[in-house]
Amino acid sequence: MGDKVELNELNRVKKDLDKCIRCGLCATYCPVYRVERDESALARGKNRIIKGLVAGEFEFSDEMAEIL
């Protein structure tokens, strides 16, 4: 049941996902990305994960919950 609740929350922000144009400018300002150099630390990385979850391309996991 917990996973279903999280996916319903993701569906609520579906329209906002398209606002990210994946330009990468957020990398300049993201302190986490500067240290980790991990795409999932950036807004575009998180947006890609959420889009994949909403579209059913990815299966929700504890690792994805931690990233998001």
C-alpha atoms as a PDB file:
ATOM      1  CA  MET A   1       0.000   0.000   0.000  1.00  0.00           C
ATOM      2  CA  GLY A   2       2.859   2.411   0.738  1.00  0.00           C
ATOM      3  CA  ASP A   3       4.225   2.195  -2.809  1.00  0.00           C
ATOM      4  CA  LYS A   4       0.804   3.004  -4.252  1.00  0.00           C
ATOM      5  CA  VAL A   5       0.556   6.131  -2.097  1.00  0.00           C
ATOM      6  CA  GLU A   6       3.963   7.350  -3.282  1.00  0.00           C
ATOM      7  CA  LEU A   7       3.054   6.737  -6.934  1.00  0.00           C
ATOM      8  CA  ASN A   8      -0.198   8.668  -6.473  1.00  0.00           C
ATOM      9  CA  GLU A   9       1.841  11.576  -5.112  1.00  0.00           C
ATOM     10  CA  LEU A  10       4.095  11.397  -8.190  1.00  0.00           C
ATOM     11  CA  ASN A  11       1.057  11.548 -10.455  1.00  0.00           C
ATOM     12  CA  ARG A  12       0.015  14.809  -8.773  1.00  0.00           C
ATOM     13  CA  VAL A  13       3.177  16.545 -10.007  1.00  0.00           C
ATOM     14  CA  LYS A  14       3.106  15.063 -13.502  1.00  0.00           C
ATOM     15  CA  LYS A  15       2.413  18.442 -15.198  1.00  0.00           C
ATOM     16  CA  ASP A  16       5.369  20.046 -13.454  1.00  0.00           C
ATOM     17  CA  LEU A  17       7.789  17.472 -14.838  1.00  0.00           C
ATOM     18  CA  ASP A  18       7.672  18.971 -18.314  1.00  0.00           C
ATOM     19  CA  LYS A  19       8.860  22.337 -17.005  1.00  0.00           C
ATOM     20  CA  CYS A  20      12.406  20.964 -16.751  1.00  0.00           C
ATOM     21  CA  ILE A  21      14.045  21.298 -20.168  1.00  0.00           C
ATOM     22  CA  ARG A  22      17.038  19.177 -19.080  1.00  0.00           C
ATOM     23  CA  CYS A  23      19.523  21.968 -19.777  1.00  0.00           C
ATOM     24  CA  GLY A  24      21.816  21.095 -16.870  1.00  0.00           C
ATOM     25  CA  LEU A  25      22.149  24.636 -15.524  1.00  0.00           C
ATOM     26  CA  CYS A  26      21.041  23.371 -12.114  1.00  0.00           C
ATOM     27  CA  ALA A  27      24.346  21.451 -11.907  1.00  0.00           C
ATOM     28  CA  THR A  28      26.153  24.759 -11.450  1.00  0.00           C
ATOM     29  CA  TYR A  29      24.173  25.567  -8.317  1.00  0.00           C
ATOM     30  CA  CYS A  30      23.575  22.131  -6.789  1.00  0.00           C
ATOM     31  CA  PRO A  31      25.986  21.514  -3.879  1.00  0.00           C
ATOM     32  CA  VAL A  32      25.131  17.803  -3.781  1.00  0.00           C
ATOM     33  CA  TYR A  33      25.961  17.360  -7.469  1.00  0.00           C
ATOM     34  CA  ARG A  34      29.252  19.206  -7.049  1.00  0.00           C
ATOM     35  CA  VAL A  35      30.330  16.616  -4.478  1.00  0.00           C
ATOM     36  CA  GLU A  36      28.705  13.425  -5.757  1.00  0.00           C
ATOM     37  CA  ARG A  37      28.756  14.044  -9.540  1.00  0.00           C
ATOM     38  CA  ASP A  38      25.656  11.872  -9.763  1.00  0.00           C
ATOM     39  CA  GLU A  39      22.931  12.770 -12.257  1.00  0.00           C
ATOM     40  CA  SER A  40      20.251  11.660  -9.808  1.00  0.00           C
ATOM     41  CA  ALA A  41      21.259  14.576  -7.556  1.00  0.00           C
ATOM     42  CA  LEU A  42      20.084  17.050 -10.201  1.00  0.00           C
ATOM     43  CA  ALA A  43      16.527  18.119 -10.915  1.00  0.00           C
ATOM     44  CA  ARG A  44      16.725  16.620 -14.405  1.00  0.00           C
ATOM     45  CA  GLY A  45      17.861  13.279 -12.984  1.00  0.00           C
ATOM     46  CA  LYS A  46      15.058  13.223 -10.443  1.00  0.00           C
ATOM     47  CA  ASN A  47      12.566  14.283 -13.120  1.00  0.00           C
ATOM     48  CA  ARG A  48      13.683  11.422 -15.352  1.00  0.00           C
ATOM     49  CA  ILE A  49      13.156   8.945 -12.536  1.00  0.00           C
ATOM     50  CA  ILE A  50       9.702  10.346 -11.759  1.00  0.00           C
ATOM     51  CA  LYS A  51       8.697  10.353 -15.438  1.00  0.00           C
ATOM     52  CA  GLY A  52       9.808   6.728 -15.727  1.00  0.00           C
ATOM     53  CA  LEU A  53       7.805   5.772 -12.648  1.00  0.00           C
ATOM     54  CA  VAL A  54       4.680   7.571 -13.836  1.00  0.00           C
ATOM     55  CA  ALA A  55       4.984   6.008 -17.303  1.00  0.00           C
ATOM     56  CA  GLY A  56       5.505   2.552 -15.819  1.00  0.00           C
ATOM     57  CA  GLU A  57       9.031   2.252 -17.260  1.00  0.00           C
ATOM     58  CA  PHE A  58      10.603   1.786 -13.822  1.00  0.00           C
ATOM     59  CA  GLU A  59       9.505  -0.183 -10.809  1.00  0.00           C
ATOM     60  CA  PHE A  60       9.365   1.808  -7.579  1.00  0.00           C
ATOM     61  CA  SER A  61      12.080   0.778  -5.141  1.00  0.00           C
ATOM     62  CA  ASP A  62      13.554   1.825  -1.821  1.00  0.00           C
ATOM     63  CA  GLU A  63      16.611   3.141  -3.709  1.00  0.00           C
ATOM     64  CA  MET A  64      14.435   5.403  -5.852  1.00  0.00           C
ATOM     65  CA  ALA A  65      12.551   6.592  -2.785  1.00  0.00           C
ATOM     66  CA  GLU A  66      15.887   7.515  -1.188  1.00  0.00           C
ATOM     67  CA  ILE A  67      16.992   9.435  -4.293  1.00  0.00           C
ATOM     68  CA  LEU A  68      13.726  11.322  -4.550  1.00  0.00           C
END
